[in-house]
């Protein structure tokens, strides 16, 4: 009888519809966002893309968790590949935000005549960096410490502390998002109010989106922690979420220092 046992430590991924579905969902979401930016009354056009993206995330994550837990496919060799993949993904996200910072500094350092040769442009009322932005900075910095607390608890096999740390981190992430929503609702300028509004909302808005994704990521880890999926020796799913969350923290520090503080002009000095 032929021996069909696997003789290598690698994971040969089964055919999956989720990469194609994810790309299509992102296209629908981007199209809906463009339509909403053109006319804010058409905010509902964002919903189909959000539903598709969330559904793809759910089913794709289910498949990856099944591979790790039921199929035992995440061998040490496979975990090295996953770490490389997550590292490259975060590197691509860094370059994504570099583009928005580049657009912001290009306008801020070389203001045109149309902007009055000054930055912020004449007539733009910027945020006080020491109000909600500073509170949100403290929230995210605290969340970085709590997710690290949860990570250390997991490595020590302390499940209760792991769950507690994740709960605090998720709540802090939700709080940050709520405060960001309040800030946007009270903003004295809109997305279409010139270059300042466009660069501000693209940079901070995409960061807010990343916070939402990171909060969902950590929320899934919290559910898995309750199920006992993680062990001190095998918990890459949590590690990836923690890396992503620290990346979100660092990006916010740059946003706060460059856009809210430095970019606020005279307000920041009061």
Protein backbone atom coordinates (compact mmCIF):
# COMPACT_ATOMS: atom_id res chain seq x y z
CA UNK A 1 0.00 0.00 0.00
CA UNK A 2 1.33 3.41 -0.94
CA UNK A 3 2.39 5.69 1.90
CA UNK A 4 0.68 9.08 1.49
CA UNK A 5 1.91 10.55 4.79
CA UNK A 6 3.32 14.07 4.56
CA UNK A 7 7.11 13.97 4.64
CA UNK A 8 7.81 17.70 4.96
CA UNK A 9 6.99 20.38 7.55
CA UNK A 10 5.50 22.84 5.07
CA UNK A 11 1.85 23.76 4.64
CA UNK A 12 0.42 23.37 1.15
CA UNK A 13 -2.59 25.69 1.23
CA UNK A 14 -5.88 24.37 -0.14
CA UNK A 15 -7.52 26.33 -2.98
CA UNK A 16 -9.36 29.27 -1.44
CA UNK A 17 -11.81 31.87 -2.81
CA UNK A 18 -10.92 34.46 -0.18
CA UNK A 19 -7.98 36.23 -1.87
CA UNK A 20 -10.11 36.98 -4.94
CA UNK A 21 -13.12 37.79 -2.78
CA UNK A 22 -11.00 40.07 -0.61
CA UNK A 23 -9.71 42.00 -3.63
CA UNK A 24 -13.24 42.38 -5.00
CA UNK A 25 -14.55 43.50 -1.59
CA UNK A 26 -11.78 46.09 -1.29
CA UNK A 27 -12.69 47.40 -4.76
CA UNK A 28 -16.36 47.75 -3.80
CA UNK A 29 -15.39 49.45 -0.54
CA UNK A 30 -13.05 51.89 -2.31
CA UNK A 31 -15.76 52.70 -4.88
CA UNK A 32 -18.29 53.33 -2.13
CA UNK A 33 -15.83 55.55 -0.28
CA UNK A 34 -15.20 57.64 -3.41
CA UNK A 35 -18.95 58.07 -3.95
CA UNK A 36 -19.38 59.09 -0.32
CA UNK A 37 -16.54 61.63 -0.51
CA UNK A 38 -18.14 63.16 -3.60
CA UNK A 39 -21.50 63.50 -1.87
CA UNK A 40 -21.71 63.00 1.90
CA UNK A 41 -25.43 62.21 1.70
CA UNK A 42 -24.52 58.97 -0.07
CA UNK A 43 -22.78 57.50 2.98
CA UNK A 44 -24.90 54.38 2.60
CA UNK A 45 -22.88 53.44 -0.50
CA UNK A 46 -20.08 52.50 1.88
CA UNK A 47 -22.15 49.73 3.49
CA UNK A 48 -21.97 47.01 0.75
CA UNK A 49 -18.18 47.18 0.72
CA UNK A 50 -18.00 47.06 4.51
CA UNK A 51 -20.28 44.00 4.63
CA UNK A 52 -18.21 42.22 1.97
CA UNK A 53 -14.88 43.05 3.65
CA UNK A 54 -16.12 41.99 7.09
CA UNK A 55 -17.56 38.74 5.69
CA UNK A 56 -14.31 37.95 3.89
CA UNK A 57 -12.31 38.63 7.05
CA UNK A 58 -14.59 36.35 9.07
CA UNK A 59 -14.50 33.35 6.74
CA UNK A 60 -10.81 33.71 5.89
CA UNK A 61 -9.85 33.91 9.56
CA UNK A 62 -12.05 30.87 10.25
CA UNK A 63 -10.08 28.91 7.65
CA UNK A 64 -6.71 30.01 9.09
CA UNK A 65 -7.79 29.13 12.65
CA UNK A 66 -9.00 25.73 11.46
CA UNK A 67 -5.64 25.12 9.77
CA UNK A 68 -3.83 25.98 13.00
CA UNK A 69 -6.09 24.18 15.46
CA UNK A 70 -7.65 21.21 13.66
CA UNK A 71 -5.22 20.48 10.85
CA UNK A 72 -2.10 21.24 12.94
CA UNK A 73 -0.65 22.85 9.83
CA UNK A 74 1.19 25.68 11.59
CA UNK A 75 4.44 23.83 12.24
CA UNK A 76 7.51 25.76 13.46
CA UNK A 77 8.68 26.12 9.86
CA UNK A 78 5.29 27.43 8.77
CA UNK A 79 5.25 29.89 11.68
CA UNK A 80 8.54 31.36 10.45
CA UNK A 81 6.93 31.97 7.07
CA UNK A 82 3.91 33.56 8.75
CA UNK A 83 6.18 35.90 10.68
CA UNK A 84 7.96 36.92 7.48
CA UNK A 85 4.58 37.50 5.85
CA UNK A 86 3.31 39.68 8.71
CA UNK A 87 6.56 41.64 8.75
CA UNK A 88 6.29 42.37 5.03
CA UNK A 89 2.63 43.30 5.42
CA UNK A 90 3.44 45.85 8.13
CA UNK A 91 6.29 47.18 5.97
CA UNK A 92 3.80 47.72 3.14
CA UNK A 93 1.49 49.51 5.57
CA UNK A 94 4.37 51.79 6.59
CA UNK A 95 4.83 52.81 2.95
CA UNK A 96 1.08 53.34 2.65
CA UNK A 97 1.19 55.94 5.41
CA UNK A 98 4.41 57.43 4.05
CA UNK A 99 2.36 58.45 1.00
CA UNK A 100 -0.14 60.41 3.12
CA UNK A 101 2.59 62.06 5.19
CA UNK A 102 4.37 62.95 1.95
CA UNK A 103 1.22 64.62 0.61
CA UNK A 104 0.76 66.51 3.88
CA UNK A 105 4.34 67.77 4.14
CA UNK A 106 4.48 68.62 0.45
CA UNK A 107 1.60 71.03 1.01
CA UNK A 108 2.74 72.20 4.46
CA UNK A 109 6.38 72.91 3.68
CA UNK A 110 5.73 74.48 0.27
CA UNK A 111 2.37 76.28 0.55
CA UNK A 112 1.20 77.76 -2.74
CA UNK A 113 -0.22 81.18 -3.51
CA UNK A 114 -3.72 79.70 -3.48
CA UNK A 115 -3.16 78.87 0.21
CA UNK A 116 -1.84 82.34 0.95
CA UNK A 117 1.74 81.07 1.12
CA UNK A 118 1.12 79.94 4.72
CA UNK A 119 0.28 76.70 6.52
CA UNK A 120 -2.32 76.03 7.75
CA UNK A 121 -4.12 77.82 4.91
CA UNK A 122 -5.79 81.11 5.73
CA UNK A 123 -9.23 80.66 7.28
CA UNK A 124 -8.65 77.06 8.44
CA UNK A 125 -9.47 76.48 12.11
CA UNK A 126 -7.32 73.55 13.25
CA UNK A 127 -7.79 71.30 16.26
CA UNK A 128 -6.29 72.07 19.62
CA UNK A 129 -3.70 69.25 19.92
CA UNK A 130 -3.96 69.25 23.71
CA UNK A 131 -7.67 68.49 23.73
CA UNK A 132 -9.13 65.26 22.29
CA UNK A 133 -6.01 64.43 20.21
CA UNK A 134 -3.86 64.35 23.36
CA UNK A 135 -6.44 62.24 25.20
CA UNK A 136 -6.48 59.79 22.29
CA UNK A 137 -2.68 59.69 22.40
CA UNK A 138 -2.78 58.66 26.04
CA UNK A 139 -5.43 56.04 25.24
CA UNK A 140 -3.36 54.44 22.48
CA UNK A 141 -0.14 54.53 24.49
CA UNK A 142 -1.95 52.84 27.36
CA UNK A 143 -3.39 50.22 25.01
CA UNK A 144 0.14 49.43 23.83
CA UNK A 145 1.13 48.61 27.40
CA UNK A 146 -1.97 46.49 28.04
CA UNK A 147 -1.47 44.38 24.90
CA UNK A 148 2.15 43.85 25.99
CA UNK A 149 0.85 42.83 29.43
CA UNK A 150 -1.43 40.29 27.75
CA UNK A 151 1.45 38.97 25.64
CA UNK A 152 3.69 38.43 28.65
CA UNK A 153 0.82 36.73 30.50
CA UNK A 154 0.33 34.37 27.56
CA UNK A 155 4.02 33.46 27.42
CA UNK A 156 3.88 32.67 31.14
CA UNK A 157 0.75 30.56 30.74
CA UNK A 158 -1.44 32.94 32.77
CA UNK A 159 -4.78 32.71 30.95
CA UNK A 160 -6.68 35.01 33.32
CA UNK A 161 -4.17 37.83 32.90
CA UNK A 162 -4.17 37.28 29.14
CA UNK A 163 -7.94 37.70 28.98
CA UNK A 164 -7.86 40.73 31.28
CA UNK A 165 -5.16 42.45 29.21
CA UNK A 166 -7.03 41.79 25.98
CA UNK A 167 -10.30 43.10 27.43
CA UNK A 168 -8.67 46.35 28.49
CA UNK A 169 -6.97 46.75 25.11
CA UNK A 170 -10.18 46.17 23.15
CA UNK A 171 -12.10 48.64 25.34
CA UNK A 172 -9.36 51.24 24.88
CA UNK A 173 -9.46 50.70 21.11
CA UNK A 174 -13.23 51.21 21.06
CA UNK A 175 -12.86 54.32 23.22
CA UNK A 176 -10.30 55.76 20.83
CA UNK A 177 -12.66 55.19 17.89
CA UNK A 178 -15.55 56.88 19.72
CA UNK A 179 -13.43 59.93 20.54
CA UNK A 180 -12.23 60.08 16.94
CA UNK A 181 -15.86 60.07 15.78
CA UNK A 182 -16.67 62.92 18.18
CA UNK A 183 -13.66 64.85 16.87
CA UNK A 184 -14.82 64.43 13.27
CA UNK A 185 -18.38 65.50 14.13
CA UNK A 186 -17.07 68.68 15.77
CA UNK A 187 -14.45 69.40 13.10
CA UNK A 188 -14.54 73.01 11.81
CA UNK A 189 -13.61 71.83 8.29
CA UNK A 190 -14.64 69.03 5.96
CA UNK A 191 -12.92 66.59 3.63
CA UNK A 192 -13.53 68.80 0.60
CA UNK A 193 -12.45 72.06 2.25
CA UNK A 194 -9.13 72.41 0.49
CA UNK A 195 -5.80 70.63 0.74
CA UNK A 196 -5.66 70.80 4.54
CA UNK A 197 -8.96 68.96 4.99
CA UNK A 198 -8.12 66.38 2.34
CA UNK A 199 -4.69 65.47 3.72
CA UNK A 200 -5.91 65.58 7.33
CA UNK A 201 -8.84 63.23 6.79
CA UNK A 202 -6.96 60.83 4.54
CA UNK A 203 -4.13 60.40 7.05
CA UNK A 204 -6.18 60.33 10.26
CA UNK A 205 -9.13 58.55 8.64
CA UNK A 206 -7.04 55.66 7.36
CA UNK A 207 -5.39 55.43 10.74
CA UNK A 208 -8.83 55.26 12.34
CA UNK A 209 -9.72 52.46 9.94
CA UNK A 210 -6.60 50.60 11.01
CA UNK A 211 -7.57 51.05 14.65
CA UNK A 212 -10.96 49.48 13.90
CA UNK A 213 -9.31 46.56 12.09
CA UNK A 214 -6.81 46.13 14.94
CA UNK A 215 -9.62 46.18 17.52
CA UNK A 216 -11.45 43.46 15.60
CA UNK A 217 -8.19 41.51 15.33
CA UNK A 218 -7.69 41.69 19.10
CA UNK A 219 -11.35 40.91 19.69
CA UNK A 220 -10.95 37.67 17.74
CA UNK A 221 -7.87 36.89 19.85
CA UNK A 222 -9.97 37.49 22.98
CA UNK A 223 -12.55 34.95 21.80
CA UNK A 224 -9.78 32.48 21.04
CA UNK A 225 -8.25 33.10 24.46
CA UNK A 226 -11.55 32.10 26.07
CA UNK A 227 -11.54 28.95 23.91
CA UNK A 228 -8.00 28.11 25.00
CA UNK A 229 -6.57 28.18 21.47
CA UNK A 230 -3.31 29.84 22.49
CA UNK A 231 -0.42 28.16 24.28
CA UNK A 232 2.89 29.63 25.47
CA UNK A 233 4.63 27.85 22.62
CA UNK A 234 2.15 28.46 19.80
CA UNK A 235 0.27 31.75 19.58
CA UNK A 236 1.28 33.46 16.37
CA UNK A 237 -2.27 34.72 15.83
CA UNK A 238 -1.97 36.80 18.97
CA UNK A 239 1.58 37.90 18.12
CA UNK A 240 0.45 39.16 14.72
CA UNK A 241 -2.37 41.15 16.35
CA UNK A 242 0.06 42.64 18.89
CA UNK A 243 2.55 43.63 16.17
CA UNK A 244 -0.23 45.27 14.19
CA UNK A 245 -1.45 47.15 17.26
CA UNK A 246 2.02 48.49 18.07
CA UNK A 247 2.31 49.63 14.45
CA UNK A 248 -1.00 51.52 14.83
CA UNK A 249 0.35 53.14 18.02
CA UNK A 250 3.53 54.34 16.33
CA UNK A 251 1.65 55.79 13.35
CA UNK A 252 -0.59 57.75 15.72
CA UNK A 253 2.44 59.25 17.49
CA UNK A 254 3.65 60.56 14.13
CA UNK A 255 0.16 61.85 13.32
CA UNK A 256 -0.11 63.63 16.64
CA UNK A 257 3.33 65.22 16.45
CA UNK A 258 3.23 66.17 12.76
CA UNK A 259 -0.40 66.95 11.96
CA UNK A 260 -2.09 67.82 15.24
CA UNK A 261 0.83 69.55 17.01
CA UNK A 262 3.25 70.89 14.40
CA UNK A 263 0.52 71.38 11.80
CA UNK A 264 -1.74 73.32 14.17
CA UNK A 265 0.43 76.40 13.88
CA UNK A 266 -0.15 79.04 16.51
CA UNK A 267 -2.80 77.01 18.35
CA UNK A 268 -0.18 74.47 19.49
CA UNK A 269 1.83 77.19 21.20
CA UNK A 270 -1.04 78.49 23.35
